[in-house]
Structure formats: C-alpha cells, structure tokens
Amino acid sequence: MLAPVPPAPEPAPLLREALGEALRSERRARGRTLRDVAKASQVSLAYLSEIERGQKEASSEIIASVCSALGITMLDLVASVARGYAVHEGLAPVREAGTPPCSVAMAA
C-alpha cells in the first residue's frame, strides 16, 4: 500500500508581487495615499497601483523613486521582501536593516 503524497508546498510569490506587497505595506504604515505617493514619486497613479498589486515589473529607477517618496531606502524595501520570503520558507527571520548582526562567542 502506498503512503499518501503530502500536498505540494505553496509556491513563493513572484518578486514583483513581493515588492508590490512590501511597497503597499510601507505606504499604508505611513498613512499615505496611493495618489500622494504617485505624485511625490512622479509615477502615474495607475502604474503605481499595478506595481503594488504585483501586476507590473517596475524598473529599479521607478522603485527607487517610490522608496524615496516613502522615505525609505531600497535596502529597507529589499530587507522587508527578504523577511517575507524567509517567513514563507520557514527560515529564521532576516534581521532589520541597520541592526548589527548577532555576535556569537566562539568556544576556545
């Protein structure tokens, strides 16, 4: 008798989806509207909405402009995305940007 096959793990989100989710989360955390951030970043409202929904692959220039409008760095955004992937994969959390790595004492 064959053992039951476990269900396949849910695939990780595409990078464009993870970036969009992180940008939307950062925008909402700052209490900013889509219209406000679109204007500040000089990205059309429709295009920014598509980026946040993971429907468009934004260039690094566009992402940098949106990050600047939100007052975050690209490192902050990438770290947020990395933490999301780590959680999805069941890995140890990725440390926050700007925090020192854990120091581990070596045994003599």
PDB file of N, CA and C in Angstrom:
ATOM      1  N   MET A   1       0.838  -1.173   0.000  1.00  0.00           N
ATOM      2  CA  MET A   1       0.000   0.000   0.000  1.00  0.00           C
ATOM      3  C   MET A   1       0.888   1.243   0.000  1.00  0.00           C
ATOM      4  N   LEU A   2       0.571   2.196  -0.852  1.00  0.00           N
ATOM      5  CA  LEU A   2       1.353   3.418  -0.969  1.00  0.00           C
ATOM      6  C   LEU A   2       0.952   4.431   0.099  1.00  0.00           C
ATOM      7  N   ALA A   3       1.969   5.122   0.600  1.00  0.00           N
ATOM      8  CA  ALA A   3       1.709   6.180   1.577  1.00  0.00           C
ATOM      9  C   ALA A   3       1.096   7.377   0.854  1.00  0.00           C
ATOM     10  N   PRO A   4       0.225   8.132   1.523  1.00  0.00           N
ATOM     11  CA  PRO A   4      -0.359   9.309   0.868  1.00  0.00           C
ATOM     12  C   PRO A   4       0.718  10.336   0.545  1.00  0.00           C
ATOM     13  N   VAL A   5       0.552  10.981  -0.572  1.00  0.00           N
ATOM     14  CA  VAL A   5       1.502  12.007  -1.003  1.00  0.00           C
ATOM     15  C   VAL A   5       1.125  13.312  -0.299  1.00  0.00           C
ATOM     16  N   PRO A   6       2.103  13.921   0.386  1.00  0.00           N
ATOM     17  CA  PRO A   6       1.788  15.186   1.064  1.00  0.00           C
ATOM     18  C   PRO A   6       1.486  16.266   0.017  1.00  0.00           C
ATOM     19  N   PRO A   7       0.667  17.239   0.382  1.00  0.00           N
ATOM     20  CA  PRO A   7       0.361  18.306  -0.574  1.00  0.00           C
ATOM     21  C   PRO A   7       1.618  19.104  -0.903  1.00  0.00           C
ATOM     22  N   ALA A   8       1.674  19.574  -2.130  1.00  0.00           N
ATOM     23  CA  ALA A   8       2.814  20.391  -2.559  1.00  0.00           C
ATOM     24  C   ALA A   8       2.802  21.704  -1.789  1.00  0.00           C
ATOM     25  N   PRO A   9       3.973  22.194  -1.390  1.00  0.00           N
ATOM     26  CA  PRO A   9       4.011  23.468  -0.671  1.00  0.00           C
ATOM     27  C   PRO A   9       3.542  24.598  -1.594  1.00  0.00           C
ATOM     28  N   GLU A  10       2.955  25.607  -0.983  1.00  0.00           N
ATOM     29  CA  GLU A  10       2.509  26.767  -1.750  1.00  0.00           C
ATOM     30  C   GLU A  10       3.739  27.469  -2.307  1.00  0.00           C
ATOM     31  N   PRO A  11       3.746  27.783  -3.608  1.00  0.00           N
ATOM     32  CA  PRO A  11       4.925  28.445  -4.174  1.00  0.00           C
ATOM     33  C   PRO A  11       5.102  29.846  -3.595  1.00  0.00           C
ATOM     34  N   ALA A  12       6.343  30.260  -3.513  1.00  0.00           N
ATOM     35  CA  ALA A  12       6.644  31.612  -3.039  1.00  0.00           C
ATOM     36  C   ALA A  12       6.095  32.615  -4.043  1.00  0.00           C
ATOM     37  N   PRO A  13       5.718  33.793  -3.569  1.00  0.00           N
ATOM     38  CA  PRO A  13       5.220  34.806  -4.501  1.00  0.00           C
ATOM     39  C   PRO A  13       6.326  35.232  -5.463  1.00  0.00           C
ATOM     40  N   LEU A  14       5.920  35.680  -6.625  1.00  0.00           N
ATOM     41  CA  LEU A  14       6.879  36.244  -7.564  1.00  0.00           C
ATOM     42  C   LEU A  14       7.496  37.490  -6.952  1.00  0.00           C
ATOM     43  N   LEU A  15       8.699  37.834  -7.387  1.00  0.00           N
ATOM     44  CA  LEU A  15       9.378  39.008  -6.833  1.00  0.00           C
ATOM     45  C   LEU A  15       8.539  40.260  -7.029  1.00  0.00           C
ATOM     46  N   ARG A  16       7.912  40.431  -8.185  1.00  0.00           N
ATOM     47  CA  ARG A  16       7.108  41.633  -8.414  1.00  0.00           C
ATOM     48  C   ARG A  16       5.932  41.693  -7.439  1.00  0.00           C
ATOM     49  N   GLU A  17       5.384  40.532  -7.068  1.00  0.00           N
ATOM     50  CA  GLU A  17       4.287  40.503  -6.104  1.00  0.00           C
ATOM     51  C   GLU A  17       4.788  40.858  -4.700  1.00  0.00           C
ATOM     52  N   ALA A  18       5.949  40.310  -4.337  1.00  0.00           N
ATOM     53  CA  ALA A  18       6.519  40.580  -3.016  1.00  0.00           C
ATOM     54  C   ALA A  18       6.922  42.050  -2.881  1.00  0.00           C
ATOM     55  N   LEU A  19       7.506  42.613  -3.931  1.00  0.00           N
ATOM     56  CA  LEU A  19       7.883  44.030  -3.908  1.00  0.00           C
ATOM     57  C   LEU A  19       6.644  44.909  -3.790  1.00  0.00           C
ATOM     58  N   GLY A  20       5.625  44.584  -4.569  1.00  0.00           N
ATOM     59  CA  GLY A  20       4.391  45.364  -4.528  1.00  0.00           C
ATOM     60  C   GLY A  20       3.736  45.320  -3.164  1.00  0.00           C
ATOM     61  N   GLU A  21       3.695  44.132  -2.578  1.00  0.00           N
ATOM     62  CA  GLU A  21       3.104  43.976  -1.249  1.00  0.00           C
ATOM     63  C   GLU A  21       3.892  44.782  -0.217  1.00  0.00           C
ATOM     64  N   ALA A  22       5.214  44.741  -0.313  1.00  0.00           N
ATOM     65  CA  ALA A  22       6.053  45.486   0.636  1.00  0.00           C
ATOM     66  C   ALA A  22       5.869  46.994   0.460  1.00  0.00           C
ATOM     67  N   LEU A  23       5.789  47.453  -0.783  1.00  0.00           N
ATOM     68  CA  LEU A  23       5.572  48.886  -1.015  1.00  0.00           C
ATOM     69  C   LEU A  23       4.222  49.326  -0.472  1.00  0.00           C
ATOM     70  N   ARG A  24       3.185  48.544  -0.727  1.00  0.00           N
ATOM     71  CA  ARG A  24       1.849  48.886  -0.226  1.00  0.00           C
ATOM     72  C   ARG A  24       1.849  48.916   1.307  1.00  0.00           C
ATOM     73  N   SER A  25       2.500  47.949   1.917  1.00  0.00           N
ATOM     74  CA  SER A  25       2.561  47.885   3.372  1.00  0.00           C
ATOM     75  C   SER A  25       3.275  49.117   3.939  1.00  0.00           C
ATOM     76  N   GLU A  26       4.393  49.481   3.319  1.00  0.00           N
ATOM     77  CA  GLU A  26       5.145  50.665   3.768  1.00  0.00           C
ATOM     78  C   GLU A  26       4.302  51.924   3.596  1.00  0.00           C
ATOM     79  N   ARG A  27       3.609  52.047   2.478  1.00  0.00           N
ATOM     80  CA  ARG A  27       2.777  53.225   2.219  1.00  0.00           C
ATOM     81  C   ARG A  27       1.671  53.335   3.262  1.00  0.00           C
ATOM     82  N   ARG A  28       0.983  52.238   3.504  1.00  0.00           N
ATOM     83  CA  ARG A  28      -0.115  52.244   4.474  1.00  0.00           C
ATOM     84  C   ARG A  28       0.381  52.508   5.883  1.00  0.00           C
ATOM     85  N   ALA A  29       1.546  51.952   6.222  1.00  0.00           N
ATOM     86  CA  ALA A  29       2.114  52.159   7.566  1.00  0.00           C
ATOM     87  C   ALA A  29       2.403  53.640   7.812  1.00  0.00           C
ATOM     88  N   ARG A  30       2.655  54.372   6.746  1.00  0.00           N
ATOM     89  CA  ARG A  30       2.950  55.801   6.863  1.00  0.00           C
ATOM     90  C   ARG A  30       1.699  56.661   6.688  1.00  0.00           C
ATOM     91  N   GLY A  31       0.551  56.019   6.497  1.00  0.00           N
ATOM     92  CA  GLY A  31      -0.695  56.756   6.353  1.00  0.00           C
ATOM     93  C   GLY A  31      -0.779  57.558   5.066  1.00  0.00           C
ATOM     94  N   ARG A  32      -0.082  57.105   4.041  1.00  0.00           N
ATOM     95  CA  ARG A  32      -0.036  57.827   2.764  1.00  0.00           C
ATOM     96  C   ARG A  32      -1.037  57.222   1.787  1.00  0.00           C
ATOM     97  N   THR A  33      -1.581  58.052   0.931  1.00  0.00           N
ATOM     98  CA  THR A  33      -2.494  57.564  -0.097  1.00  0.00           C
ATOM     99  C   THR A  33      -1.711  57.184  -1.339  1.00  0.00           C
ATOM    100  N   LEU A  34      -2.327  56.359  -2.151  1.00  0.00           N
ATOM    101  CA  LEU A  34      -1.719  55.971  -3.422  1.00  0.00           C
ATOM    102  C   LEU A  34      -1.490  57.217  -4.277  1.00  0.00           C
ATOM    103  N   ARG A  35      -2.464  58.097  -4.308  1.00  0.00           N
ATOM    104  CA  ARG A  35      -2.369  59.330  -5.103  1.00  0.00           C
ATOM    105  C   ARG A  35      -1.200  60.196  -4.641  1.00  0.00           C
ATOM    106  N   ASP A  36      -1.058  60.347  -3.339  1.00  0.00           N
ATOM    107  CA  ASP A  36       0.013  61.161  -2.760  1.00  0.00           C
ATOM    108  C   ASP A  36       1.388  60.608  -3.143  1.00  0.00           C
ATOM    109  N   VAL A  37       1.569  59.304  -2.982  1.00  0.00           N
ATOM    110  CA  VAL A  37       2.872  58.694  -3.287  1.00  0.00           C
ATOM    111  C   VAL A  37       3.148  58.723  -4.787  1.00  0.00           C
ATOM    112  N   ALA A  38       2.115  58.514  -5.589  1.00  0.00           N
ATOM    113  CA  ALA A  38       2.282  58.583  -7.048  1.00  0.00           C
ATOM    114  C   ALA A  38       2.773  59.969  -7.453  1.00  0.00           C
ATOM    115  N   LYS A  39       2.153  60.984  -6.901  1.00  0.00           N
ATOM    116  CA  LYS A  39       2.554  62.359  -7.226  1.00  0.00           C
ATOM    117  C   LYS A  39       3.976  62.645  -6.761  1.00  0.00           C
ATOM    118  N   ALA A  40       4.290  62.268  -5.528  1.00  0.00           N
ATOM    119  CA  ALA A  40       5.620  62.534  -4.966  1.00  0.00           C
ATOM    120  C   ALA A  40       6.721  61.781  -5.705  1.00  0.00           C
ATOM    121  N   SER A  41       6.396  60.605  -6.236  1.00  0.00           N
ATOM    122  CA  SER A  41       7.408  59.798  -6.929  1.00  0.00           C
ATOM    123  C   SER A  41       7.402  60.024  -8.435  1.00  0.00           C
ATOM    124  N   GLN A  42       6.462  60.824  -8.916  1.00  0.00           N
ATOM    125  CA  GLN A  42       6.305  61.105 -10.352  1.00  0.00           C
ATOM    126  C   GLN A  42       6.043  59.824 -11.145  1.00  0.00           C
ATOM    127  N   VAL A  43       5.221  58.960 -10.559  1.00  0.00           N
ATOM    128  CA  VAL A  43       4.776  57.722 -11.196  1.00  0.00           C
ATOM    129  C   VAL A  43       3.266  57.843 -11.325  1.00  0.00           C
ATOM    130  N   SER A  44       2.725  57.422 -12.450  1.00  0.00           N
ATOM    131  CA  SER A  44       1.277  57.554 -12.614  1.00  0.00           C
ATOM    132  C   SER A  44       0.552  56.729 -11.554  1.00  0.00           C
ATOM    133  N   LEU A  45      -0.599  57.239 -11.168  1.00  0.00           N
ATOM    134  CA  LEU A  45      -1.419  56.559 -10.172  1.00  0.00           C
ATOM    135  C   LEU A  45      -1.747  55.140 -10.615  1.00  0.00           C
ATOM    136  N   ALA A  46      -2.133  54.971 -11.860  1.00  0.00           N
ATOM    137  CA  ALA A  46      -2.497  53.643 -12.382  1.00  0.00           C
ATOM    138  C   ALA A  46      -1.296  52.695 -12.354  1.00  0.00           C
ATOM    139  N   TYR A  47      -0.123  53.204 -12.746  1.00  0.00           N
ATOM    140  CA  TYR A  47       1.063  52.351 -12.782  1.00  0.00           C
ATOM    141  C   TYR A  47       1.488  51.953 -11.369  1.00  0.00           C
ATOM    142  N   LEU A  48       1.457  52.891 -10.433  1.00  0.00           N
ATOM    143  CA  LEU A  48       1.821  52.568  -9.053  1.00  0.00           C
ATOM    144  C   LEU A  48       0.853  51.541  -8.480  1.00  0.00           C
ATOM    145  N   SER A  49      -0.418  51.673  -8.801  1.00  0.00           N
ATOM    146  CA  SER A  49      -1.399  50.688  -8.339  1.00  0.00           C
ATOM    147  C   SER A  49      -1.074  49.302  -8.895  1.00  0.00           C
ATOM    148  N   GLU A  50      -0.695  49.239 -10.159  1.00  0.00           N
ATOM    149  CA  GLU A  50      -0.332  47.945 -10.765  1.00  0.00           C
ATOM    150  C   GLU A  50       0.923  47.366 -10.118  1.00  0.00           C
ATOM    151  N   ILE A  51       1.872  48.224  -9.782  1.00  0.00           N
ATOM    152  CA  ILE A  51       3.089  47.759  -9.097  1.00  0.00           C
ATOM    153  C   ILE A  51       2.717  47.169  -7.743  1.00  0.00           C
ATOM    154  N   GLU A  52       1.917  47.894  -6.978  1.00  0.00           N
ATOM    155  CA  GLU A  52       1.526  47.408  -5.648  1.00  0.00           C
ATOM    156  C   GLU A  52       0.749  46.097  -5.708  1.00  0.00           C
ATOM    157  N   ARG A  53      -0.004  45.890  -6.773  1.00  0.00           N
ATOM    158  CA  ARG A  53      -0.765  44.648  -6.916  1.00  0.00           C
ATOM    159  C   ARG A  53       0.054  43.531  -7.544  1.00  0.00           C
ATOM    160  N   GLY A  54       1.329  43.804  -7.835  1.00  0.00           N
ATOM    161  CA  GLY A  54       2.206  42.780  -8.397  1.00  0.00           C
ATOM    162  C   GLY A  54       1.927  42.470  -9.851  1.00  0.00           C
ATOM    163  N   GLN A  55       1.301  43.390 -10.555  1.00  0.00           N
ATOM    164  CA  GLN A  55       0.952  43.168 -11.955  1.00  0.00           C
ATOM    165  C   GLN A  55       1.987  43.707 -12.925  1.00  0.00           C
ATOM    166  N   LYS A  56       2.864  44.578 -12.463  1.00  0.00           N
ATOM    167  CA  LYS A  56       3.896  45.167 -13.321  1.00  0.00           C
ATOM    168  C   LYS A  56       5.265  44.976 -12.701  1.00  0.00           C
ATOM    169  N   GLU A  57       6.241  44.719 -13.565  1.00  0.00           N
ATOM    170  CA  GLU A  57       7.653  44.636 -13.164  1.00  0.00           C
ATOM    171  C   GLU A  57       8.229  46.042 -13.265  1.00  0.00           C
ATOM    172  N   ALA A  58       8.367  46.713 -12.165  1.00  0.00           N
ATOM    173  CA  ALA A  58       8.886  48.079 -12.169  1.00  0.00           C
ATOM    174  C   ALA A  58      10.396  48.081 -12.310  1.00  0.00           C
ATOM    175  N   SER A  59      10.912  49.098 -12.993  1.00  0.00           N
ATOM    176  CA  SER A  59      12.360  49.249 -13.116  1.00  0.00           C
ATOM    177  C   SER A  59      12.945  49.669 -11.773  1.00  0.00           C
ATOM    178  N   SER A  60      14.244  49.498 -11.638  1.00  0.00           N
ATOM    179  CA  SER A  60      14.898  49.901 -10.383  1.00  0.00           C
ATOM    180  C   SER A  60      14.779  51.417 -10.182  1.00  0.00           C
ATOM    181  N   GLU A  61      14.733  52.183 -11.264  1.00  0.00           N
ATOM    182  CA  GLU A  61      14.586  53.632 -11.151  1.00  0.00           C
ATOM    183  C   GLU A  61      13.215  53.989 -10.572  1.00  0.00           C
ATOM    184  N   ILE A  62      12.177  53.305 -11.038  1.00  0.00           N
ATOM    185  CA  ILE A  62      10.827  53.555 -10.528  1.00  0.00           C
ATOM    186  C   ILE A  62      10.743  53.150  -9.054  1.00  0.00           C
ATOM    187  N   ILE A  63      11.274  51.980  -8.736  1.00  0.00           N
ATOM    188  CA  ILE A  63      11.239  51.513  -7.347  1.00  0.00           C
ATOM    189  C   ILE A  63      11.999  52.489  -6.449  1.00  0.00           C
ATOM    190  N   ALA A  64      13.151  52.970  -6.901  1.00  0.00           N
ATOM    191  CA  ALA A  64      13.931  53.934  -6.118  1.00  0.00           C
ATOM    192  C   ALA A  64      13.142  55.222  -5.896  1.00  0.00           C
ATOM    193  N   SER A  65      12.429  55.672  -6.916  1.00  0.00           N
ATOM    194  CA  SER A  65      11.629  56.888  -6.797  1.00  0.00           C
ATOM    195  C   SER A  65      10.490  56.706  -5.797  1.00  0.00           C
ATOM    196  N   VAL A  66       9.834  55.562  -5.832  1.00  0.00           N
ATOM    197  CA  VAL A  66       8.742  55.285  -4.890  1.00  0.00           C
ATOM    198  C   VAL A  66       9.304  55.174  -3.468  1.00  0.00           C
ATOM    199  N   CYS A  67      10.441  54.488  -3.317  1.00  0.00           N
ATOM    200  CA  CYS A  67      11.065  54.384  -1.996  1.00  0.00           C
ATOM    201  C   CYS A  67      11.396  55.765  -1.449  1.00  0.00           C
ATOM    202  N   SER A  68      11.955  56.611  -2.284  1.00  0.00           N
ATOM    203  CA  SER A  68      12.302  57.970  -1.868  1.00  0.00           C
ATOM    204  C   SER A  68      11.056  58.730  -1.431  1.00  0.00           C
ATOM    205  N   ALA A  69       9.973  58.591  -2.187  1.00  0.00           N
ATOM    206  CA  ALA A  69       8.722  59.267  -1.836  1.00  0.00           C
ATOM    207  C   ALA A  69       8.177  58.764  -0.501  1.00  0.00           C
ATOM    208  N   LEU A  70       8.456  57.512  -0.178  1.00  0.00           N
ATOM    209  CA  LEU A  70       8.001  56.923   1.087  1.00  0.00           C
ATOM    210  C   LEU A  70       8.962  57.201   2.244  1.00  0.00           C
ATOM    211  N   GLY A  71      10.152  57.707   1.927  1.00  0.00           N
ATOM    212  CA  GLY A  71      11.138  57.973   2.968  1.00  0.00           C
ATOM    213  C   GLY A  71      11.842  56.724   3.453  1.00  0.00           C
ATOM    214  N   ILE A  72      11.956  55.724   2.572  1.00  0.00           N
ATOM    215  CA  ILE A  72      12.675  54.501   2.910  1.00  0.00           C
ATOM    216  C   ILE A  72      13.795  54.297   1.894  1.00  0.00           C
ATOM    217  N   THR A  73      14.738  53.443   2.230  1.00  0.00           N
ATOM    218  CA  THR A  73      15.810  53.119   1.301  1.00  0.00           C
ATOM    219  C   THR A  73      15.456  51.848   0.535  1.00  0.00           C
ATOM    220  N   MET A  74      16.170  51.635  -0.550  1.00  0.00           N
ATOM    221  CA  MET A  74      15.999  50.384  -1.289  1.00  0.00           C
ATOM    222  C   MET A  74      16.370  49.208  -0.376  1.00  0.00           C
ATOM    223  N   LEU A  75      17.364  49.399   0.481  1.00  0.00           N
ATOM    224  CA  LEU A  75      17.756  48.349   1.417  1.00  0.00           C
ATOM    225  C   LEU A  75      16.604  47.995   2.344  1.00  0.00           C
ATOM    226  N   ASP A  76      15.893  49.013   2.832  1.00  0.00           N
ATOM    227  CA  ASP A  76      14.723  48.762   3.681  1.00  0.00           C
ATOM    228  C   ASP A  76      13.702  47.899   2.934  1.00  0.00           C
ATOM    229  N   LEU A  77      13.438  48.242   1.685  1.00  0.00           N
ATOM    230  CA  LEU A  77      12.451  47.511   0.895  1.00  0.00           C
ATOM    231  C   LEU A  77      12.899  46.075   0.647  1.00  0.00           C
ATOM    232  N   VAL A  78      14.139  45.905   0.231  1.00  0.00           N
ATOM    233  CA  VAL A  78      14.659  44.562  -0.055  1.00  0.00           C
ATOM    234  C   VAL A  78      14.685  43.719   1.212  1.00  0.00           C
ATOM    235  N   ALA A  79      15.033  44.326   2.343  1.00  0.00           N
ATOM    236  CA  ALA A  79      15.043  43.590   3.612  1.00  0.00           C
ATOM    237  C   ALA A  79      13.632  43.147   3.983  1.00  0.00           C
ATOM    238  N   SER A  80      12.651  43.997   3.735  1.00  0.00           N
ATOM    239  CA  SER A  80      11.256  43.641   4.012  1.00  0.00           C
ATOM    240  C   SER A  80      10.825  42.455   3.152  1.00  0.00           C
ATOM    241  N   VAL A  81      11.197  42.497   1.879  1.00  0.00           N
ATOM    242  CA  VAL A  81      10.869  41.389   0.971  1.00  0.00           C
ATOM    243  C   VAL A  81      11.576  40.112   1.418  1.00  0.00           C
ATOM    244  N   ALA A  82      12.842  40.237   1.805  1.00  0.00           N
ATOM    245  CA  ALA A  82      13.601  39.060   2.253  1.00  0.00           C
ATOM    246  C   ALA A  82      12.969  38.446   3.495  1.00  0.00           C
ATOM    247  N   ARG A  83      12.512  39.293   4.429  1.00  0.00           N
ATOM    248  CA  ARG A  83      11.844  38.765   5.626  1.00  0.00           C
ATOM    249  C   ARG A  83      10.583  38.000   5.239  1.00  0.00           C
ATOM    250  N   GLY A  84       9.833  38.519   4.262  1.00  0.00           N
ATOM    251  CA  GLY A  84       8.631  37.833   3.801  1.00  0.00           C
ATOM    252  C   GLY A  84       8.940  36.473   3.207  1.00  0.00           C
ATOM    253  N   TYR A  85       9.991  36.398   2.387  1.00  0.00           N
ATOM    254  CA  TYR A  85      10.393  35.113   1.813  1.00  0.00           C
ATOM    255  C   TYR A  85      10.884  34.154   2.900  1.00  0.00           C
ATOM    256  N   ALA A  86      11.609  34.679   3.889  1.00  0.00           N
ATOM    257  CA  ALA A  86      12.105  33.823   4.972  1.00  0.00           C
ATOM    258  C   ALA A  86      10.941  33.212   5.736  1.00  0.00           C
ATOM    259  N   VAL A  87       9.926  34.015   6.016  1.00  0.00           N
ATOM    260  CA  VAL A  87       8.743  33.507   6.717  1.00  0.00           C
ATOM    261  C   VAL A  87       8.063  32.444   5.870  1.00  0.00           C
ATOM    262  N   HIS A  88       7.929  32.707   4.579  1.00  0.00           N
ATOM    263  CA  HIS A  88       7.280  31.747   3.675  1.00  0.00           C
ATOM    264  C   HIS A  88       8.018  30.413   3.671  1.00  0.00           C
ATOM    265  N   GLU A  89       9.330  30.479   3.696  1.00  0.00           N
ATOM    266  CA  GLU A  89      10.150  29.267   3.647  1.00  0.00           C
ATOM    267  C   GLU A  89      10.367  28.644   5.022  1.00  0.00           C
ATOM    268  N   GLY A  90       9.862  29.279   6.062  1.00  0.00           N
ATOM    269  CA  GLY A  90      10.023  28.741   7.408  1.00  0.00           C
ATOM    270  C   GLY A  90      11.440  28.877   7.927  1.00  0.00           C
ATOM    271  N   LEU A  91      12.152  29.878   7.450  1.00  0.00           N
ATOM    272  CA  LEU A  91      13.531  30.101   7.864  1.00  0.00           C
ATOM    273  C   LEU A  91      13.592  31.111   8.996  1.00  0.00           C
ATOM    274  N   ALA A  92      14.761  31.211   9.590  1.00  0.00           N
ATOM    275  CA  ALA A  92      14.976  32.197  10.645  1.00  0.00           C
ATOM    276  C   ALA A  92      14.745  33.585  10.071  1.00  0.00           C
ATOM    277  N   PRO A  93      14.164  34.482  10.850  1.00  0.00           N
ATOM    278  CA  PRO A  93      13.901  35.830  10.345  1.00  0.00           C
ATOM    279  C   PRO A  93      15.189  36.548   9.958  1.00  0.00           C
ATOM    280  N   VAL A  94      15.089  37.365   8.940  1.00  0.00           N
ATOM    281  CA  VAL A  94      16.198  38.199   8.484  1.00  0.00           C
ATOM    282  C   VAL A  94      16.207  39.429   9.376  1.00  0.00           C
ATOM    283  N   ARG A  95      17.372  39.843   9.827  1.00  0.00           N
ATOM    284  CA  ARG A  95      17.442  40.983  10.744  1.00  0.00           C
ATOM    285  C   ARG A  95      17.037  42.270  10.038  1.00  0.00           C
ATOM    286  N   GLU A  96      16.584  43.225  10.821  1.00  0.00           N
ATOM    287  CA  GLU A  96      16.176  44.529  10.321  1.00  0.00           C
ATOM    288  C   GLU A  96      17.400  45.259   9.769  1.00  0.00           C
ATOM    289  N   ALA A  97      17.194  46.054   8.722  1.00  0.00           N
ATOM    290  CA  ALA A  97      18.271  46.871   8.171  1.00  0.00           C
ATOM    291  C   ALA A  97      18.751  47.831   9.260  1.00  0.00           C
ATOM    292  N   GLY A  98      20.041  48.013   9.334  1.00  0.00           N
ATOM    293  CA  GLY A  98      20.607  48.944  10.299  1.00  0.00           C
ATOM    294  C   GLY A  98      20.859  48.358  11.672  1.00  0.00           C
ATOM    295  N   THR A  99      20.496  47.100  11.896  1.00  0.00           N
ATOM    296  CA  THR A  99      20.775  46.478  13.190  1.00  0.00           C
ATOM    297  C   THR A  99      22.010  45.609  13.054  1.00  0.00           C
ATOM    298  N   PRO A 100      22.847  45.596  14.062  1.00  0.00           N
ATOM    299  CA  PRO A 100      24.076  44.804  13.961  1.00  0.00           C
ATOM    300  C   PRO A 100      23.764  43.310  13.970  1.00  0.00           C
ATOM    301  N   PRO A 101      24.584  42.521  13.289  1.00  0.00           N
ATOM    302  CA  PRO A 101      24.377  41.067  13.330  1.00  0.00           C
ATOM    303  C   PRO A 101      24.615  40.549  14.736  1.00  0.00           C
ATOM    304  N   CYS A 102      23.995  39.433  15.051  1.00  0.00           N
ATOM    305  CA  CYS A 102      24.207  38.821  16.371  1.00  0.00           C
ATOM    306  C   CYS A 102      25.652  38.404  16.516  1.00  0.00           C
ATOM    307  N   SER A 103      26.214  38.643  17.673  1.00  0.00           N
ATOM    308  CA  SER A 103      27.585  38.184  17.899  1.00  0.00           C
ATOM    309  C   SER A 103      27.521  36.883  18.667  1.00  0.00           C
ATOM    310  N   VAL A 104      28.281  35.936  18.222  1.00  0.00           N
ATOM    311  CA  VAL A 104      28.312  34.621  18.850  1.00  0.00           C
ATOM    312  C   VAL A 104      29.723  34.410  19.371  1.00  0.00           C
ATOM    313  N   ALA A 105      29.818  34.117  20.651  1.00  0.00           N
ATOM    314  CA  ALA A 105      31.126  33.866  21.250  1.00  0.00           C
ATOM    315  C   ALA A 105      31.636  32.502  20.788  1.00  0.00           C
ATOM    316  N   MET A 106      32.863  32.470  20.353  1.00  0.00           N
ATOM    317  CA  MET A 106      33.481  31.224  19.912  1.00  0.00           C
ATOM    318  C   MET A 106      34.082  30.517  21.120  1.00  0.00           C
ATOM    319  N   ALA A 107      33.889  29.231  21.184  1.00  0.00           N
ATOM    320  CA  ALA A 107      34.495  28.443  22.287  1.00  0.00           C
ATOM    321  C   ALA A 107      35.984  28.325  22.046  1.00  0.00           C
ATOM    322  N   ALA A 108      36.737  28.435  23.122  1.00  0.00           N
ATOM    323  CA  ALA A 108      38.193  28.375  22.988  1.00  0.00           C
ATOM    324  C   ALA A 108      38.682  26.960  22.903  1.00  0.00           C
TER     325      ALA A 108
END
